[in-house]
Amino acid sequence: MPRLALYALVVCLLAITAAVVSFARGSWLGVVWVLMAGLSSNMTWYYVRRAKLERRSAASSGS
């Protein structure tokens, strides 16, 4: 897994945890954390897919 994808995944997991804690305490600030989790999840998938496409293009150009 690419380093940026790993960092984005960690941010996503931390944002989900923060959202759960915020909602458990009755704070509506959890909505912001849910949005952050969604954004970082999309970033994770983007970096994973980009790395996969780069590996595929490197393999096809090397042949």
Protein backbone atom coordinates (compact mmCIF):
# COMPACT_ATOMS: atom_id res chain seq x y z
CA MET A 1 0.00 0.00 0.00
CA PRO A 2 1.41 3.41 -0.93
CA ARG A 3 2.49 5.65 1.92
CA LEU A 4 -0.04 8.40 1.18
CA ALA A 5 -2.85 5.84 1.07
CA LEU A 6 -1.75 4.51 4.43
CA TYR A 7 -1.71 7.99 5.94
CA ALA A 8 -5.17 8.72 4.54
CA LEU A 9 -6.45 5.44 5.98
CA VAL A 10 -5.10 6.33 9.42
CA VAL A 11 -6.79 9.75 9.21
CA CYS A 12 -10.03 8.04 8.18
CA LEU A 13 -9.95 5.68 11.15
CA LEU A 14 -9.14 8.50 13.55
CA ALA A 15 -11.96 10.62 12.14
CA ILE A 16 -14.43 7.76 12.58
CA THR A 17 -13.30 7.34 16.17
CA ALA A 18 -13.65 11.07 16.81
CA ALA A 19 -17.14 11.04 15.27
CA VAL A 20 -18.27 8.19 17.51
CA VAL A 21 -16.91 9.92 20.60
CA SER A 22 -18.49 13.23 19.62
CA PHE A 23 -21.91 11.70 19.01
CA ALA A 24 -21.67 9.66 22.22
CA ARG A 25 -21.11 12.89 24.14
CA GLY A 26 -24.10 14.49 22.42
CA SER A 27 -22.09 16.91 20.31
CA TRP A 28 -23.08 17.75 16.75
CA LEU A 29 -19.41 18.31 15.97
CA GLY A 30 -19.40 14.65 14.96
CA VAL A 31 -20.91 15.68 11.64
CA VAL A 32 -17.64 17.40 10.75
CA TRP A 33 -15.73 14.24 11.64
CA VAL A 34 -18.01 12.14 9.45
CA LEU A 35 -17.32 14.46 6.52
CA MET A 36 -13.58 14.23 7.23
CA ALA A 37 -13.82 10.42 7.29
CA GLY A 38 -15.57 10.44 3.92
CA LEU A 39 -12.96 12.68 2.37
CA SER A 40 -10.02 10.69 3.69
CA SER A 41 -11.67 7.43 2.60
CA ASN A 42 -11.94 8.76 -0.94
CA MET A 43 -8.30 9.86 -0.80
CA THR A 44 -7.27 6.37 0.31
CA TRP A 45 -9.04 4.73 -2.63
CA TYR A 46 -7.61 7.31 -5.03
CA TYR A 47 -4.00 6.69 -3.97
CA VAL A 48 -4.43 2.91 -4.00
CA ARG A 49 -5.97 3.00 -7.48
CA ARG A 50 -3.33 5.41 -8.78
CA ALA A 51 -0.52 3.16 -7.55
CA LYS A 52 -2.19 0.13 -9.13
CA LEU A 53 -2.49 1.92 -12.48
CA GLU A 54 1.14 3.08 -12.30
CA ARG A 55 2.32 -0.47 -11.62
CA ARG A 56 0.22 -1.76 -14.51
CA SER A 57 1.54 0.85 -16.94
CA ALA A 58 5.14 0.23 -15.81
CA ALA A 59 4.71 -3.50 -16.37
CA SER A 60 3.19 -3.04 -19.81
CA SER A 61 5.83 -0.54 -20.95
CA GLY A 62 8.64 -2.74 -19.64
CA SER A 63 7.59 -5.68 -21.83
